[in-house]
């Protein structure tokens, strides 16, 4: 947990990589420090938005689910977790 938010850190510091999920009233976000992958994923999902380290989508965007799963899998693969 990081500030009461589910977070998976890959090492002793979040600066060495992490995946975090947040939920708001109208959207869901996945966060990572892999900024190139974040940008690529946002470009793949129509209507996605977010800051430098996050991909945010509206809850109704069902097409985003498989892309976000692939995003998390790629972050884990980059860190040797899968």
PDB file of N, CA and C in Angstrom:
ATOM      1  N   UNK A   1       0.847  -1.183   0.000  1.00  0.00           N
ATOM      2  CA  UNK A   1       0.000   0.000   0.000  1.00  0.00           C
ATOM      3  C   UNK A   1       0.890   1.244   0.000  1.00  0.00           C
ATOM      4  N   UNK A   2       0.466   2.226  -0.723  1.00  0.00           N
ATOM      5  CA  UNK A   2       1.149   3.508  -0.767  1.00  0.00           C
ATOM      6  C   UNK A   2       0.090   4.582  -0.598  1.00  0.00           C
ATOM      7  N   UNK A   3       0.123   5.229   0.542  1.00  0.00           N
ATOM      8  CA  UNK A   3      -0.900   6.236   0.859  1.00  0.00           C
ATOM      9  C   UNK A   3      -2.300   5.671   0.680  1.00  0.00           C
ATOM     10  N   UNK A   4      -2.526   4.487   1.221  1.00  0.00           N
ATOM     11  CA  UNK A   4      -3.807   3.770   1.189  1.00  0.00           C
ATOM     12  C   UNK A   4      -4.229   3.367  -0.216  1.00  0.00           C
ATOM     13  N   UNK A   5      -3.275   3.217  -1.118  1.00  0.00           N
ATOM     14  CA  UNK A   5      -3.565   2.824  -2.494  1.00  0.00           C
ATOM     15  C   UNK A   5      -2.808   1.542  -2.813  1.00  0.00           C
ATOM     16  N   UNK A   6      -3.475   0.564  -3.452  1.00  0.00           N
ATOM     17  CA  UNK A   6      -2.777  -0.672  -3.816  1.00  0.00           C
ATOM     18  C   UNK A   6      -1.595  -0.394  -4.738  1.00  0.00           C
ATOM     19  N   UNK A   7      -0.419  -0.872  -4.349  1.00  0.00           N
ATOM     20  CA  UNK A   7       0.786  -0.648  -5.129  1.00  0.00           C
ATOM     21  C   UNK A   7       1.693  -1.861  -5.011  1.00  0.00           C
ATOM     22  N   UNK A   8       2.269  -2.265  -6.134  1.00  0.00           N
ATOM     23  CA  UNK A   8       3.250  -3.338  -6.128  1.00  0.00           C
ATOM     24  C   UNK A   8       4.587  -2.731  -6.508  1.00  0.00           C
ATOM     25  N   UNK A   9       5.521  -2.673  -5.547  1.00  0.00           N
ATOM     26  CA  UNK A   9       6.869  -2.179  -5.811  1.00  0.00           C
ATOM     27  C   UNK A   9       7.756  -3.366  -6.173  1.00  0.00           C
ATOM     28  N   UNK A  10       8.678  -3.139  -7.093  1.00  0.00           N
ATOM     29  CA  UNK A  10       9.563  -4.208  -7.549  1.00  0.00           C
ATOM     30  C   UNK A  10      10.863  -4.277  -6.769  1.00  0.00           C
ATOM     31  N   UNK A  11      11.120  -3.294  -5.938  1.00  0.00           N
ATOM     32  CA  UNK A  11      12.359  -3.257  -5.151  1.00  0.00           C
ATOM     33  C   UNK A  11      12.088  -2.444  -3.890  1.00  0.00           C
ATOM     34  N   UNK A  12      13.152  -2.046  -3.212  1.00  0.00           N
ATOM     35  CA  UNK A  12      12.996  -1.309  -1.962  1.00  0.00           C
ATOM     36  C   UNK A  12      12.499   0.122  -2.156  1.00  0.00           C
ATOM     37  N   UNK A  13      12.533   0.641  -3.370  1.00  0.00           N
ATOM     38  CA  UNK A  13      12.094   2.005  -3.644  1.00  0.00           C
ATOM     39  C   UNK A  13      11.159   2.021  -4.840  1.00  0.00           C
ATOM     40  N   UNK A  14      10.149   2.856  -4.798  1.00  0.00           N
ATOM     41  CA  UNK A  14       9.237   2.955  -5.928  1.00  0.00           C
ATOM     42  C   UNK A  14       9.957   3.496  -7.170  1.00  0.00           C
ATOM     43  N   UNK A  15      11.076   4.155  -6.994  1.00  0.00           N
ATOM     44  CA  UNK A  15      11.842   4.672  -8.124  1.00  0.00           C
ATOM     45  C   UNK A  15      12.449   3.558  -8.976  1.00  0.00           C
ATOM     46  N   UNK A  16      12.466   2.344  -8.439  1.00  0.00           N
ATOM     47  CA  UNK A  16      12.985   1.193  -9.173  1.00  0.00           C
ATOM     48  C   UNK A  16      11.873   0.440  -9.893  1.00  0.00           C
ATOM     49  N   UNK A  17      10.677   0.963  -9.861  1.00  0.00           N
ATOM     50  CA  UNK A  17       9.561   0.386 -10.592  1.00  0.00           C
ATOM     51  C   UNK A  17       8.395   0.018  -9.711  1.00  0.00           C
ATOM     52  N   UNK A  18       7.201   0.200 -10.247  1.00  0.00           N
ATOM     53  CA  UNK A  18       5.978  -0.119  -9.521  1.00  0.00           C
ATOM     54  C   UNK A  18       4.799  -0.164 -10.481  1.00  0.00           C
ATOM     55  N   UNK A  19       3.717  -0.751 -10.018  1.00  0.00           N
ATOM     56  CA  UNK A  19       2.411  -0.684 -10.660  1.00  0.00           C
ATOM     57  C   UNK A  19       1.434  -0.312  -9.556  1.00  0.00           C
ATOM     58  N   UNK A  20       0.598   0.677  -9.819  1.00  0.00           N
ATOM     59  CA  UNK A  20      -0.378   1.127  -8.823  1.00  0.00           C
ATOM     60  C   UNK A  20      -1.702   1.386  -9.530  1.00  0.00           C
ATOM     61  N   UNK A  21      -2.792   1.069  -8.854  1.00  0.00           N
ATOM     62  CA  UNK A  21      -4.117   1.304  -9.386  1.00  0.00           C
ATOM     63  C   UNK A  21      -4.860   2.293  -8.493  1.00  0.00           C
ATOM     64  N   UNK A  22      -5.573   3.211  -9.117  1.00  0.00           N
ATOM     65  CA  UNK A  22      -6.403   4.146  -8.369  1.00  0.00           C
ATOM     66  C   UNK A  22      -7.780   4.227  -9.016  1.00  0.00           C
ATOM     67  N   UNK A  23      -8.754   4.547  -8.208  1.00  0.00           N
ATOM     68  CA  UNK A  23     -10.123   4.681  -8.695  1.00  0.00           C
ATOM     69  C   UNK A  23     -10.687   6.024  -8.259  1.00  0.00           C
ATOM     70  N   UNK A  24     -11.385   6.650  -9.155  1.00  0.00           N
ATOM     71  CA  UNK A  24     -12.067   7.909  -8.867  1.00  0.00           C
ATOM     72  C   UNK A  24     -13.555   7.719  -9.185  1.00  0.00           C
ATOM     73  N   UNK A  25     -14.306   8.762  -9.039  1.00  0.00           N
ATOM     74  CA  UNK A  25     -15.752   8.661  -9.254  1.00  0.00           C
ATOM     75  C   UNK A  25     -16.100   8.212 -10.677  1.00  0.00           C
ATOM     76  N   UNK A  26     -15.406   8.754 -11.660  1.00  0.00           N
ATOM     77  CA  UNK A  26     -15.777   8.485 -13.045  1.00  0.00           C
ATOM     78  C   UNK A  26     -14.716   7.756 -13.865  1.00  0.00           C
ATOM     79  N   UNK A  27     -13.539   7.493 -13.270  1.00  0.00           N
ATOM     80  CA  UNK A  27     -12.500   6.826 -14.049  1.00  0.00           C
ATOM     81  C   UNK A  27     -11.590   5.975 -13.164  1.00  0.00           C
ATOM     82  N   UNK A  28     -10.825   5.140 -13.850  1.00  0.00           N
ATOM     83  CA  UNK A  28      -9.888   4.220 -13.235  1.00  0.00           C
ATOM     84  C   UNK A  28      -8.514   4.524 -13.826  1.00  0.00           C
ATOM     85  N   UNK A  29      -7.451   4.432 -13.019  1.00  0.00           N
ATOM     86  CA  UNK A  29      -6.106   4.719 -13.506  1.00  0.00           C
ATOM     87  C   UNK A  29      -5.130   3.628 -13.104  1.00  0.00           C
ATOM     88  N   UNK A  30      -4.182   3.378 -13.984  1.00  0.00           N
ATOM     89  CA  UNK A  30      -3.062   2.492 -13.706  1.00  0.00           C
ATOM     90  C   UNK A  30      -1.806   3.349 -13.829  1.00  0.00           C
ATOM     91  N   UNK A  31      -0.931   3.248 -12.839  1.00  0.00           N
ATOM     92  CA  UNK A  31       0.260   4.086 -12.772  1.00  0.00           C
ATOM     93  C   UNK A  31       1.515   3.218 -12.833  1.00  0.00           C
ATOM     94  N   UNK A  32       2.545   3.734 -13.483  1.00  0.00           N
ATOM     95  CA  UNK A  32       3.849   3.065 -13.528  1.00  0.00           C
ATOM     96  C   UNK A  32       4.916   4.109 -13.821  1.00  0.00           C
ATOM     97  N   UNK A  33       6.139   3.754 -13.524  1.00  0.00           N
ATOM     98  CA  UNK A  33       7.258   4.662 -13.761  1.00  0.00           C
ATOM     99  C   UNK A  33       7.853   4.465 -15.161  1.00  0.00           C
ATOM    100  N   UNK A  34       7.344   3.516 -15.901  1.00  0.00           N
ATOM    101  CA  UNK A  34       7.784   3.237 -17.271  1.00  0.00           C
ATOM    102  C   UNK A  34       7.082   4.217 -18.217  1.00  0.00           C
ATOM    103  N   UNK A  35       7.587   5.422 -18.267  1.00  0.00           N
ATOM    104  CA  UNK A  35       6.899   6.506 -18.960  1.00  0.00           C
ATOM    105  C   UNK A  35       6.699   6.246 -20.450  1.00  0.00           C
ATOM    106  N   UNK A  36       7.642   5.590 -21.097  1.00  0.00           N
ATOM    107  CA  UNK A  36       7.474   5.278 -22.519  1.00  0.00           C
ATOM    108  C   UNK A  36       6.306   4.327 -22.731  1.00  0.00           C
ATOM    109  N   UNK A  37       6.187   3.335 -21.879  1.00  0.00           N
ATOM    110  CA  UNK A  37       5.089   2.379 -21.975  1.00  0.00           C
ATOM    111  C   UNK A  37       3.755   3.034 -21.628  1.00  0.00           C
ATOM    112  N   UNK A  38       3.756   3.928 -20.655  1.00  0.00           N
ATOM    113  CA  UNK A  38       2.537   4.662 -20.296  1.00  0.00           C
ATOM    114  C   UNK A  38       2.045   5.454 -21.499  1.00  0.00           C
ATOM    115  N   UNK A  39       2.934   6.196 -22.129  1.00  0.00           N
ATOM    116  CA  UNK A  39       2.555   7.008 -23.296  1.00  0.00           C
ATOM    117  C   UNK A  39       2.031   6.138 -24.433  1.00  0.00           C
ATOM    118  N   UNK A  40       2.718   5.045 -24.698  1.00  0.00           N
ATOM    119  CA  UNK A  40       2.303   4.123 -25.761  1.00  0.00           C
ATOM    120  C   UNK A  40       0.915   3.559 -25.477  1.00  0.00           C
ATOM    121  N   UNK A  41       0.664   3.177 -24.239  1.00  0.00           N
ATOM    122  CA  UNK A  41      -0.623   2.600 -23.867  1.00  0.00           C
ATOM    123  C   UNK A  41      -1.738   3.630 -23.983  1.00  0.00           C
ATOM    124  N   UNK A  42      -1.490   4.859 -23.535  1.00  0.00           N
ATOM    125  CA  UNK A  42      -2.507   5.914 -23.681  1.00  0.00           C
ATOM    126  C   UNK A  42      -2.865   6.132 -25.146  1.00  0.00           C
ATOM    127  N   UNK A  43      -1.874   6.056 -26.021  1.00  0.00           N
ATOM    128  CA  UNK A  43      -2.130   6.246 -27.449  1.00  0.00           C
ATOM    129  C   UNK A  43      -2.929   5.089 -28.048  1.00  0.00           C
ATOM    130  N   UNK A  44      -2.828   3.909 -27.476  1.00  0.00           N
ATOM    131  CA  UNK A  44      -3.550   2.732 -27.974  1.00  0.00           C
ATOM    132  C   UNK A  44      -5.014   2.719 -27.576  1.00  0.00           C
ATOM    133  N   UNK A  45      -5.376   3.432 -26.528  1.00  0.00           N
ATOM    134  CA  UNK A  45      -6.744   3.384 -26.009  1.00  0.00           C
ATOM    135  C   UNK A  45      -7.478   4.674 -26.380  1.00  0.00           C
ATOM    136  N   UNK A  46      -8.499   4.571 -27.220  1.00  0.00           N
ATOM    137  CA  UNK A  46      -9.280   5.766 -27.548  1.00  0.00           C
ATOM    138  C   UNK A  46      -9.927   6.355 -26.288  1.00  0.00           C
ATOM    139  N   UNK A  47      -9.775   7.643 -26.115  1.00  0.00           N
ATOM    140  CA  UNK A  47     -10.370   8.325 -24.966  1.00  0.00           C
ATOM    141  C   UNK A  47      -9.552   8.263 -23.688  1.00  0.00           C
ATOM    142  N   UNK A  48      -8.393   7.596 -23.713  1.00  0.00           N
ATOM    143  CA  UNK A  48      -7.554   7.517 -22.512  1.00  0.00           C
ATOM    144  C   UNK A  48      -6.913   8.875 -22.245  1.00  0.00           C
ATOM    145  N   UNK A  49      -6.626   9.119 -20.993  1.00  0.00           N
ATOM    146  CA  UNK A  49      -5.997  10.370 -20.591  1.00  0.00           C
ATOM    147  C   UNK A  49      -5.127  10.090 -19.389  1.00  0.00           C
ATOM    148  N   UNK A  50      -4.499  11.098 -18.842  1.00  0.00           N
ATOM    149  CA  UNK A  50      -3.687  10.918 -17.648  1.00  0.00           C
ATOM    150  C   UNK A  50      -2.419  11.736 -17.701  1.00  0.00           C
ATOM    151  N   UNK A  51      -1.686  11.701 -16.610  1.00  0.00           N
ATOM    152  CA  UNK A  51      -0.438  12.428 -16.501  1.00  0.00           C
ATOM    153  C   UNK A  51       0.727  11.613 -17.027  1.00  0.00           C
ATOM    154  N   UNK A  52       1.917  12.064 -16.746  1.00  0.00           N
ATOM    155  CA  UNK A  52       3.133  11.445 -17.268  1.00  0.00           C
ATOM    156  C   UNK A  52       3.238   9.964 -16.889  1.00  0.00           C
ATOM    157  N   UNK A  53       2.812   9.589 -15.702  1.00  0.00           N
ATOM    158  CA  UNK A  53       2.960   8.218 -15.237  1.00  0.00           C
ATOM    159  C   UNK A  53       1.673   7.448 -15.078  1.00  0.00           C
ATOM    160  N   UNK A  54       0.596   7.887 -15.759  1.00  0.00           N
ATOM    161  CA  UNK A  54      -0.667   7.174 -15.571  1.00  0.00           C
ATOM    162  C   UNK A  54      -1.470   7.063 -16.859  1.00  0.00           C
ATOM    163  N   UNK A  55      -2.227   5.982 -16.915  1.00  0.00           N
ATOM    164  CA  UNK A  55      -3.196   5.768 -17.986  1.00  0.00           C
ATOM    165  C   UNK A  55      -4.549   5.735 -17.308  1.00  0.00           C
ATOM    166  N   UNK A  56      -5.419   6.666 -17.667  1.00  0.00           N
ATOM    167  CA  UNK A  56      -6.743   6.754 -17.063  1.00  0.00           C
ATOM    168  C   UNK A  56      -7.804   6.523 -18.120  1.00  0.00           C
ATOM    169  N   UNK A  57      -8.843   5.784 -17.734  1.00  0.00           N
ATOM    170  CA  UNK A  57      -9.956   5.503 -18.640  1.00  0.00           C
ATOM    171  C   UNK A  57     -11.267   5.595 -17.871  1.00  0.00           C
ATOM    172  N   UNK A  58     -12.312   5.954 -18.589  1.00  0.00           N
ATOM    173  CA  UNK A  58     -13.648   5.963 -17.999  1.00  0.00           C
ATOM    174  C   UNK A  58     -14.078   4.516 -17.757  1.00  0.00           C
ATOM    175  N   UNK A  59     -14.879   4.302 -16.728  1.00  0.00           N
ATOM    176  CA  UNK A  59     -15.318   2.946 -16.397  1.00  0.00           C
ATOM    177  C   UNK A  59     -16.060   2.275 -17.546  1.00  0.00           C
ATOM    178  N   UNK A  60     -16.777   3.030 -18.335  1.00  0.00           N
ATOM    179  CA  UNK A  60     -17.561   2.460 -19.430  1.00  0.00           C
ATOM    180  C   UNK A  60     -16.707   1.994 -20.607  1.00  0.00           C
ATOM    181  N   UNK A  61     -15.438   2.312 -20.623  1.00  0.00           N
ATOM    182  CA  UNK A  61     -14.559   1.962 -21.729  1.00  0.00           C
ATOM    183  C   UNK A  61     -14.118   0.503 -21.610  1.00  0.00           C
ATOM    184  N   UNK A  62     -14.972  -0.399 -22.027  1.00  0.00           N
ATOM    185  CA  UNK A  62     -14.699  -1.839 -21.938  1.00  0.00           C
ATOM    186  C   UNK A  62     -13.532  -2.264 -22.822  1.00  0.00           C
ATOM    187  N   UNK A  63     -13.335  -1.575 -23.928  1.00  0.00           N
ATOM    188  CA  UNK A  63     -12.248  -1.928 -24.850  1.00  0.00           C
ATOM    189  C   UNK A  63     -10.875  -1.689 -24.236  1.00  0.00           C
ATOM    190  N   UNK A  64     -10.803  -0.877 -23.196  1.00  0.00           N
ATOM    191  CA  UNK A  64      -9.521  -0.567 -22.562  1.00  0.00           C
ATOM    192  C   UNK A  64      -9.012  -1.704 -21.685  1.00  0.00           C
ATOM    193  N   UNK A  65      -9.892  -2.568 -21.213  1.00  0.00           N
ATOM    194  CA  UNK A  65      -9.488  -3.606 -20.259  1.00  0.00           C
ATOM    195  C   UNK A  65      -8.352  -4.497 -20.757  1.00  0.00           C
ATOM    196  N   UNK A  66      -8.450  -5.085 -21.957  1.00  0.00           N
ATOM    197  CA  UNK A  66      -7.346  -5.955 -22.388  1.00  0.00           C
ATOM    198  C   UNK A  66      -6.042  -5.182 -22.607  1.00  0.00           C
ATOM    199  N   UNK A  67      -6.136  -3.939 -23.025  1.00  0.00           N
ATOM    200  CA  UNK A  67      -4.937  -3.130 -23.240  1.00  0.00           C
ATOM    201  C   UNK A  67      -4.276  -2.817 -21.901  1.00  0.00           C
ATOM    202  N   UNK A  68      -5.081  -2.509 -20.882  1.00  0.00           N
ATOM    203  CA  UNK A  68      -4.521  -2.242 -19.557  1.00  0.00           C
ATOM    204  C   UNK A  68      -3.908  -3.492 -18.941  1.00  0.00           C
ATOM    205  N   UNK A  69      -4.528  -4.637 -19.167  1.00  0.00           N
ATOM    206  CA  UNK A  69      -3.936  -5.896 -18.683  1.00  0.00           C
ATOM    207  C   UNK A  69      -2.586  -6.138 -19.344  1.00  0.00           C
ATOM    208  N   UNK A  70      -2.520  -5.901 -20.650  1.00  0.00           N
ATOM    209  CA  UNK A  70      -1.260  -6.069 -21.367  1.00  0.00           C
ATOM    210  C   UNK A  70      -0.218  -5.071 -20.870  1.00  0.00           C
ATOM    211  N   UNK A  71      -0.640  -3.873 -20.527  1.00  0.00           N
ATOM    212  CA  UNK A  71       0.257  -2.855 -19.973  1.00  0.00           C
ATOM    213  C   UNK A  71       0.879  -3.343 -18.669  1.00  0.00           C
ATOM    214  N   UNK A  72       0.053  -3.840 -17.761  1.00  0.00           N
ATOM    215  CA  UNK A  72       0.556  -4.342 -16.480  1.00  0.00           C
ATOM    216  C   UNK A  72       1.480  -5.534 -16.711  1.00  0.00           C
ATOM    217  N   UNK A  73       1.102  -6.435 -17.604  1.00  0.00           N
ATOM    218  CA  UNK A  73       1.956  -7.583 -17.918  1.00  0.00           C
ATOM    219  C   UNK A  73       3.316  -7.139 -18.444  1.00  0.00           C
ATOM    220  N   UNK A  74       3.330  -6.123 -19.299  1.00  0.00           N
ATOM    221  CA  UNK A  74       4.601  -5.645 -19.859  1.00  0.00           C
ATOM    222  C   UNK A  74       5.465  -5.000 -18.791  1.00  0.00           C
ATOM    223  N   UNK A  75       4.862  -4.250 -17.892  1.00  0.00           N
ATOM    224  CA  UNK A  75       5.641  -3.662 -16.787  1.00  0.00           C
ATOM    225  C   UNK A  75       6.256  -4.778 -15.950  1.00  0.00           C
ATOM    226  N   UNK A  76       5.484  -5.797 -15.641  1.00  0.00           N
ATOM    227  CA  UNK A  76       6.000  -6.924 -14.862  1.00  0.00           C
ATOM    228  C   UNK A  76       7.096  -7.670 -15.617  1.00  0.00           C
ATOM    229  N   UNK A  77       6.928  -7.832 -16.913  1.00  0.00           N
ATOM    230  CA  UNK A  77       7.929  -8.515 -17.724  1.00  0.00           C
ATOM    231  C   UNK A  77       9.231  -7.730 -17.749  1.00  0.00           C
ATOM    232  N   UNK A  78       9.144  -6.425 -17.883  1.00  0.00           N
ATOM    233  CA  UNK A  78      10.350  -5.584 -17.879  1.00  0.00           C
ATOM    234  C   UNK A  78      11.153  -5.727 -16.594  1.00  0.00           C
ATOM    235  N   UNK A  79      10.481  -6.018 -15.508  1.00  0.00           N
ATOM    236  CA  UNK A  79      11.154  -6.154 -14.215  1.00  0.00           C
ATOM    237  C   UNK A  79      11.491  -7.599 -13.887  1.00  0.00           C
ATOM    238  N   UNK A  80      11.225  -8.515 -14.822  1.00  0.00           N
ATOM    239  CA  UNK A  80      11.548  -9.911 -14.610  1.00  0.00           C
ATOM    240  C   UNK A  80      10.612 -10.626 -13.664  1.00  0.00           C
ATOM    241  N   UNK A  81       9.402 -10.101 -13.494  1.00  0.00           N
ATOM    242  CA  UNK A  81       8.443 -10.696 -12.562  1.00  0.00           C
ATOM    243  C   UNK A  81       7.648 -11.825 -13.207  1.00  0.00           C
ATOM    244  N   UNK A  82       7.506 -11.796 -14.524  1.00  0.00           N
ATOM    245  CA  UNK A  82       6.812 -12.889 -15.231  1.00  0.00           C
ATOM    246  C   UNK A  82       7.588 -13.247 -16.483  1.00  0.00           C
TER     247      UNK A  82
END
